[in-house]
Amino acid sequence: MKQVLVINGHPDKESFNYALAEAYIKGANKADAILSQINISELRFDPNLKFGYRKRMELEPDLIDAIDKIKKADHIVWVFPLWWYSFPALMKGFIDRVFLPGITYQPIEGKPFPKKLLKGKTAHIIITADTPKWYNFLVMKNPAINQLKKGTLQFCGVNPVKVTYIATIKNSTVSFRKKWLEKIAALGEKVK
């Protein structure tokens, strides 16, 4: 059975992102996946990488648990909103603190690219936005998607990384949201 980790980057438990994460989990349960979940807003950790990579910060217990879940997962689903063409600050802090040398990648002296320590894993990004997809793609060049997909996940060996872009959320109708919840649940069912 596939081990699936759902990471929710939205800080608000009443957000549509939480409903999307739950819909995915509901679908994946039908696929008999082994599920784990991280709601970043519920973790207790300092999101500031105080010393960069010069000196390792002590990992808080919640981050140690998150790293363990990431290492065990076969498939990682990220659910988050697009804010200012990036993701929420706490999610960025989580990535800074968890995706570290020796944990998700290993620098190789004299080489421009590291050893990818998350090879064999796949991912799916589910991103919500108020920006129309065409504008995010044509004008802004998908900055948040590229940052997470290429700059983090694929850099560490996660591949393929699929993307579902849901927009526009602001002033969306109940039927629009219901349709997307059904689509995301169906994605979860296909996780086999």
C-alpha atoms as a PDB file:
ATOM      1  CA  MET A   1       0.000   0.000   0.000  1.00  0.00           C
ATOM      2  CA  LYS A   2       1.155   3.504  -0.815  1.00  0.00           C
ATOM      3  CA  GLN A   3       2.096   5.796   2.077  1.00  0.00           C
ATOM      4  CA  VAL A   4       0.588   9.227   1.443  1.00  0.00           C
ATOM      5  CA  LEU A   5       1.399  12.392   3.352  1.00  0.00           C
ATOM      6  CA  VAL A   6      -0.903  15.418   3.064  1.00  0.00           C
ATOM      7  CA  ILE A   7       0.740  18.720   4.042  1.00  0.00           C
ATOM      8  CA  ASN A   8      -1.589  21.675   4.526  1.00  0.00           C
ATOM      9  CA  GLY A   9       0.129  25.058   4.343  1.00  0.00           C
ATOM     10  CA  HIS A  10      -2.901  27.256   5.072  1.00  0.00           C
ATOM     11  CA  PRO A  11      -2.919  28.798   8.568  1.00  0.00           C
ATOM     12  CA  ASP A  12      -6.739  28.963   8.851  1.00  0.00           C
ATOM     13  CA  LYS A  13      -8.586  25.778   9.843  1.00  0.00           C
ATOM     14  CA  GLU A  14     -11.794  27.183   8.364  1.00  0.00           C
ATOM     15  CA  SER A  15     -10.225  27.753   4.964  1.00  0.00           C
ATOM     16  CA  PHE A  16     -11.182  26.033   1.728  1.00  0.00           C
ATOM     17  CA  ASN A  17      -7.666  24.546   1.759  1.00  0.00           C
ATOM     18  CA  TYR A  18      -8.541  22.522   4.860  1.00  0.00           C
ATOM     19  CA  ALA A  19     -11.673  21.250   3.115  1.00  0.00           C
ATOM     20  CA  LEU A  20      -9.581  20.310   0.062  1.00  0.00           C
ATOM     21  CA  ALA A  21      -7.057  18.434   2.210  1.00  0.00           C
ATOM     22  CA  GLU A  22      -9.875  16.538   3.927  1.00  0.00           C
ATOM     23  CA  ALA A  23     -11.462  15.729   0.550  1.00  0.00           C
ATOM     24  CA  TYR A  24      -8.162  14.293  -0.685  1.00  0.00           C
ATOM     25  CA  ILE A  25      -7.800  12.217   2.487  1.00  0.00           C
ATOM     26  CA  LYS A  26     -11.368  10.946   2.133  1.00  0.00           C
ATOM     27  CA  GLY A  27     -10.603   9.815  -1.424  1.00  0.00           C
ATOM     28  CA  ALA A  28      -7.255   8.265  -0.502  1.00  0.00           C
ATOM     29  CA  ASN A  29      -8.947   6.293   2.280  1.00  0.00           C
ATOM     30  CA  LYS A  30     -11.030   4.604  -0.439  1.00  0.00           C
ATOM     31  CA  ALA A  31      -7.779   3.656  -2.180  1.00  0.00           C
ATOM     32  CA  ASP A  32      -6.561   1.963   1.020  1.00  0.00           C
ATOM     33  CA  ALA A  33      -3.557   4.261   1.226  1.00  0.00           C
ATOM     34  CA  ILE A  34      -1.662   4.584   4.492  1.00  0.00           C
ATOM     35  CA  LEU A  35      -2.261   8.217   5.385  1.00  0.00           C
ATOM     36  CA  SER A  36      -0.501  10.780   7.500  1.00  0.00           C
ATOM     37  CA  GLN A  37      -1.088  14.496   7.703  1.00  0.00           C
ATOM     38  CA  ILE A  38       0.749  17.659   8.644  1.00  0.00           C
ATOM     39  CA  ASN A  39      -1.143  20.880   9.263  1.00  0.00           C
ATOM     40  CA  ILE A  40       1.756  23.306   9.409  1.00  0.00           C
ATOM     41  CA  SER A  41      -0.200  25.845  11.466  1.00  0.00           C
ATOM     42  CA  GLU A  42      -0.580  23.279  14.271  1.00  0.00           C
ATOM     43  CA  LEU A  43       3.166  22.670  14.616  1.00  0.00           C
ATOM     44  CA  ARG A  44       5.283  24.321  17.280  1.00  0.00           C
ATOM     45  CA  PHE A  45       8.567  25.503  15.756  1.00  0.00           C
ATOM     46  CA  ASP A  46      10.604  28.589  14.986  1.00  0.00           C
ATOM     47  CA  PRO A  47      10.107  29.241  11.248  1.00  0.00           C
ATOM     48  CA  ASN A  48      13.183  31.459  11.050  1.00  0.00           C
ATOM     49  CA  LEU A  49      16.334  29.699   9.811  1.00  0.00           C
ATOM     50  CA  LYS A  50      18.423  31.917  12.093  1.00  0.00           C
ATOM     51  CA  PHE A  51      21.894  30.955  10.920  1.00  0.00           C
ATOM     52  CA  GLY A  52      21.184  29.985   7.330  1.00  0.00           C
ATOM     53  CA  TYR A  53      23.246  26.871   6.653  1.00  0.00           C
ATOM     54  CA  ARG A  54      26.280  28.053   8.639  1.00  0.00           C
ATOM     55  CA  LYS A  55      25.070  26.438  11.847  1.00  0.00           C
ATOM     56  CA  ARG A  56      22.328  23.849  12.363  1.00  0.00           C
ATOM     57  CA  MET A  57      19.439  24.853  14.609  1.00  0.00           C
ATOM     58  CA  GLU A  58      18.109  22.250  17.007  1.00  0.00           C
ATOM     59  CA  LEU A  59      15.024  20.628  15.486  1.00  0.00           C
ATOM     60  CA  GLU A  60      11.855  20.897  17.541  1.00  0.00           C
ATOM     61  CA  PRO A  61       9.919  17.629  18.169  1.00  0.00           C
ATOM     62  CA  ASP A  62       7.202  18.609  15.664  1.00  0.00           C
ATOM     63  CA  LEU A  63       9.833  19.077  12.944  1.00  0.00           C
ATOM     64  CA  ILE A  64      11.482  15.750  13.787  1.00  0.00           C
ATOM     65  CA  ASP A  65       8.053  14.123  13.420  1.00  0.00           C
ATOM     66  CA  ALA A  66       7.439  15.969  10.122  1.00  0.00           C
ATOM     67  CA  ILE A  67      10.795  14.826   8.719  1.00  0.00           C
ATOM     68  CA  ASP A  68       9.965  11.247   9.678  1.00  0.00           C
ATOM     69  CA  LYS A  69       6.608  11.501   7.872  1.00  0.00           C
ATOM     70  CA  ILE A  70       8.263  12.960   4.764  1.00  0.00           C
ATOM     71  CA  LYS A  71      10.889  10.197   4.700  1.00  0.00           C
ATOM     72  CA  LYS A  72       8.256   7.452   5.090  1.00  0.00           C
ATOM     73  CA  ALA A  73       5.908   8.852   2.429  1.00  0.00           C
ATOM     74  CA  ASP A  74       5.771   7.500  -1.097  1.00  0.00           C
ATOM     75  CA  HIS A  75       3.561  10.381  -2.249  1.00  0.00           C
ATOM     76  CA  ILE A  76       3.376  13.892  -0.757  1.00  0.00           C
ATOM     77  CA  VAL A  77       0.385  16.157  -1.363  1.00  0.00           C
ATOM     78  CA  TRP A  78       0.823  19.869  -0.692  1.00  0.00           C
ATOM     79  CA  VAL A  79      -2.294  22.026  -0.243  1.00  0.00           C
ATOM     80  CA  PHE A  80      -1.797  25.779   0.080  1.00  0.00           C
ATOM     81  CA  PRO A  81      -3.009  29.199  -1.090  1.00  0.00           C
ATOM     82  CA  LEU A  82      -1.174  31.510  -3.463  1.00  0.00           C
ATOM     83  CA  TRP A  83      -0.460  34.718  -1.524  1.00  0.00           C
ATOM     84  CA  TRP A  84       1.516  37.475  -3.223  1.00  0.00           C
ATOM     85  CA  TYR A  85       2.641  34.877  -5.798  1.00  0.00           C
ATOM     86  CA  SER A  86       4.203  32.756  -3.089  1.00  0.00           C
ATOM     87  CA  PHE A  87       2.974  30.591  -0.248  1.00  0.00           C
ATOM     88  CA  PRO A  88       2.153  31.548   3.348  1.00  0.00           C
ATOM     89  CA  ALA A  89       5.131  32.625   5.460  1.00  0.00           C
ATOM     90  CA  LEU A  90       4.740  29.747   7.923  1.00  0.00           C
ATOM     91  CA  MET A  91       4.901  27.230   5.069  1.00  0.00           C
ATOM     92  CA  LYS A  92       8.101  28.871   3.806  1.00  0.00           C
ATOM     93  CA  GLY A  93       9.534  28.661   7.314  1.00  0.00           C
ATOM     94  CA  PHE A  94       8.564  24.982   7.505  1.00  0.00           C
ATOM     95  CA  ILE A  95      10.380  24.266   4.240  1.00  0.00           C
ATOM     96  CA  ASP A  96      13.441  26.249   5.387  1.00  0.00           C
ATOM     97  CA  ARG A  97      13.614  24.295   8.644  1.00  0.00           C
ATOM     98  CA  VAL A  98      12.840  20.808   7.269  1.00  0.00           C
ATOM     99  CA  PHE A  99      14.387  20.623   3.785  1.00  0.00           C
ATOM    100  CA  LEU A 100      17.951  20.686   5.064  1.00  0.00           C
ATOM    101  CA  PRO A 101      21.330  19.366   3.913  1.00  0.00           C
ATOM    102  CA  GLY A 102      21.768  15.797   5.092  1.00  0.00           C
ATOM    103  CA  ILE A 103      18.005  15.370   5.491  1.00  0.00           C
ATOM    104  CA  THR A 104      16.439  15.946   2.064  1.00  0.00           C
ATOM    105  CA  TYR A 105      19.564  16.491  -0.041  1.00  0.00           C
ATOM    106  CA  GLN A 106      23.311  16.107   0.397  1.00  0.00           C
ATOM    107  CA  PRO A 107      25.743  18.638  -1.097  1.00  0.00           C
ATOM    108  CA  ILE A 108      28.618  17.047  -3.022  1.00  0.00           C
ATOM    109  CA  GLU A 109      31.912  18.905  -2.778  1.00  0.00           C
ATOM    110  CA  GLY A 110      32.979  20.338  -6.116  1.00  0.00           C
ATOM    111  CA  LYS A 111      29.602  19.607  -7.754  1.00  0.00           C
ATOM    112  CA  PRO A 112      26.864  22.149  -8.515  1.00  0.00           C
ATOM    113  CA  PHE A 113      24.033  19.755  -7.702  1.00  0.00           C
ATOM    114  CA  PRO A 114      23.508  17.634  -4.591  1.00  0.00           C
ATOM    115  CA  LYS A 115      22.680  14.010  -4.030  1.00  0.00           C
ATOM    116  CA  LYS A 116      18.876  13.867  -3.975  1.00  0.00           C
ATOM    117  CA  LEU A 117      17.792  12.110  -0.790  1.00  0.00           C
ATOM    118  CA  LEU A 118      14.053  12.006  -1.595  1.00  0.00           C
ATOM    119  CA  LYS A 119      14.346   9.985  -4.816  1.00  0.00           C
ATOM    120  CA  GLY A 120      11.538   7.526  -5.438  1.00  0.00           C
ATOM    121  CA  LYS A 121       8.867   9.830  -4.028  1.00  0.00           C
ATOM    122  CA  THR A 122       6.155  11.593  -6.032  1.00  0.00           C
ATOM    123  CA  ALA A 123       4.116  14.678  -5.201  1.00  0.00           C
ATOM    124  CA  HIS A 124       1.007  16.614  -6.087  1.00  0.00           C
ATOM    125  CA  ILE A 125       0.621  20.337  -5.465  1.00  0.00           C
ATOM    126  CA  ILE A 126      -2.936  21.597  -4.929  1.00  0.00           C
ATOM    127  CA  ILE A 127      -2.832  25.384  -4.990  1.00  0.00           C
ATOM    128  CA  THR A 128      -5.709  27.825  -4.583  1.00  0.00           C
ATOM    129  CA  ALA A 129      -5.622  31.384  -5.842  1.00  0.00           C
ATOM    130  CA  ASP A 130      -7.566  34.484  -6.688  1.00  0.00           C
ATOM    131  CA  THR A 131      -5.279  35.028  -9.678  1.00  0.00           C
ATOM    132  CA  PRO A 132      -6.546  33.466 -12.901  1.00  0.00           C
ATOM    133  CA  LYS A 133      -4.388  30.573 -14.057  1.00  0.00           C
ATOM    134  CA  TRP A 134      -3.536  32.260 -17.372  1.00  0.00           C
ATOM    135  CA  TYR A 135      -2.211  35.366 -15.593  1.00  0.00           C
ATOM    136  CA  ASN A 136      -0.154  33.376 -13.109  1.00  0.00           C
ATOM    137  CA  PHE A 137       1.339  31.383 -16.001  1.00  0.00           C
ATOM    138  CA  LEU A 138       1.804  34.017 -18.734  1.00  0.00           C
ATOM    139  CA  VAL A 139       2.558  37.162 -16.758  1.00  0.00           C
ATOM    140  CA  MET A 140       3.977  35.955 -13.448  1.00  0.00           C
ATOM    141  CA  LYS A 141       5.587  32.706 -14.748  1.00  0.00           C
ATOM    142  CA  ASN A 142       4.245  30.461 -11.938  1.00  0.00           C
ATOM    143  CA  PRO A 143       6.624  31.622  -9.172  1.00  0.00           C
ATOM    144  CA  ALA A 144       5.161  29.653  -6.229  1.00  0.00           C
ATOM    145  CA  ILE A 145       4.715  26.504  -8.284  1.00  0.00           C
ATOM    146  CA  ASN A 146       8.258  26.711  -9.675  1.00  0.00           C
ATOM    147  CA  GLN A 147       9.688  27.424  -6.243  1.00  0.00           C
ATOM    148  CA  LEU A 148       8.062  24.385  -4.619  1.00  0.00           C
ATOM    149  CA  LYS A 149       8.080  22.018  -7.596  1.00  0.00           C
ATOM    150  CA  LYS A 150      11.508  22.688  -9.105  1.00  0.00           C
ATOM    151  CA  GLY A 151      13.378  24.604  -6.431  1.00  0.00           C
ATOM    152  CA  THR A 152      12.480  22.323  -3.529  1.00  0.00           C
ATOM    153  CA  LEU A 153      10.835  19.002  -4.388  1.00  0.00           C
ATOM    154  CA  GLN A 154      12.607  18.084  -7.632  1.00  0.00           C
ATOM    155  CA  PHE A 155      15.870  19.523  -6.260  1.00  0.00           C
ATOM    156  CA  CYS A 156      15.586  16.899  -3.504  1.00  0.00           C
ATOM    157  CA  GLY A 157      14.608  14.088  -5.914  1.00  0.00           C
ATOM    158  CA  VAL A 158      10.797  14.086  -5.729  1.00  0.00           C
ATOM    159  CA  ASN A 159       9.506  13.372  -9.236  1.00  0.00           C
ATOM    160  CA  PRO A 160       7.074  13.592 -10.908  1.00  0.00           C
ATOM    161  CA  VAL A 161       5.365  16.545  -9.266  1.00  0.00           C
ATOM    162  CA  LYS A 162       1.869  17.219 -10.605  1.00  0.00           C
ATOM    163  CA  VAL A 163      -0.043  20.462 -10.078  1.00  0.00           C
ATOM    164  CA  THR A 164      -3.738  21.264  -9.666  1.00  0.00           C
ATOM    165  CA  TYR A 165      -4.427  25.019  -9.801  1.00  0.00           C
ATOM    166  CA  ILE A 166      -7.807  26.113  -8.437  1.00  0.00           C
ATOM    167  CA  ALA A 167      -8.935  29.671  -9.162  1.00  0.00           C
ATOM    168  CA  THR A 168     -10.560  32.014  -8.575  1.00  0.00           C
ATOM    169  CA  ILE A 169     -11.462  31.385  -4.957  1.00  0.00           C
ATOM    170  CA  LYS A 170     -12.555  34.862  -3.898  1.00  0.00           C
ATOM    171  CA  ASN A 171     -16.325  35.178  -4.343  1.00  0.00           C
ATOM    172  CA  SER A 172     -16.525  31.607  -5.696  1.00  0.00           C
ATOM    173  CA  THR A 173     -19.886  29.875  -5.561  1.00  0.00           C
ATOM    174  CA  VAL A 174     -20.872  26.914  -3.442  1.00  0.00           C
ATOM    175  CA  SER A 175     -21.224  24.809  -6.606  1.00  0.00           C
ATOM    176  CA  PHE A 176     -17.696  25.801  -7.746  1.00  0.00           C
ATOM    177  CA  ARG A 177     -16.251  24.709  -4.413  1.00  0.00           C
ATOM    178  CA  LYS A 178     -18.318  21.521  -4.301  1.00  0.00           C
ATOM    179  CA  LYS A 179     -17.122  20.595  -7.792  1.00  0.00           C
ATOM    180  CA  TRP A 180     -13.495  21.058  -6.736  1.00  0.00           C
ATOM    181  CA  LEU A 181     -13.963  19.073  -3.529  1.00  0.00           C
ATOM    182  CA  GLU A 182     -15.308  16.195  -5.639  1.00  0.00           C
ATOM    183  CA  LYS A 183     -12.376  16.457  -8.079  1.00  0.00           C
ATOM    184  CA  ILE A 184      -9.832  16.450  -5.258  1.00  0.00           C
ATOM    185  CA  ALA A 185     -11.510  13.455  -3.584  1.00  0.00           C
ATOM    186  CA  ALA A 186     -11.315  11.655  -6.958  1.00  0.00           C
ATOM    187  CA  LEU A 187      -7.576  12.503  -7.109  1.00  0.00           C
ATOM    188  CA  GLY A 188      -7.152  10.883  -3.722  1.00  0.00           C
ATOM    189  CA  GLU A 189      -8.914   7.738  -4.934  1.00  0.00           C
ATOM    190  CA  LYS A 190      -6.387   7.397  -7.770  1.00  0.00           C
ATOM    191  CA  VAL A 191      -3.371   7.409  -5.453  1.00  0.00           C
ATOM    192  CA  LYS A 192      -2.915   3.594  -5.559  1.00  0.00           C
END
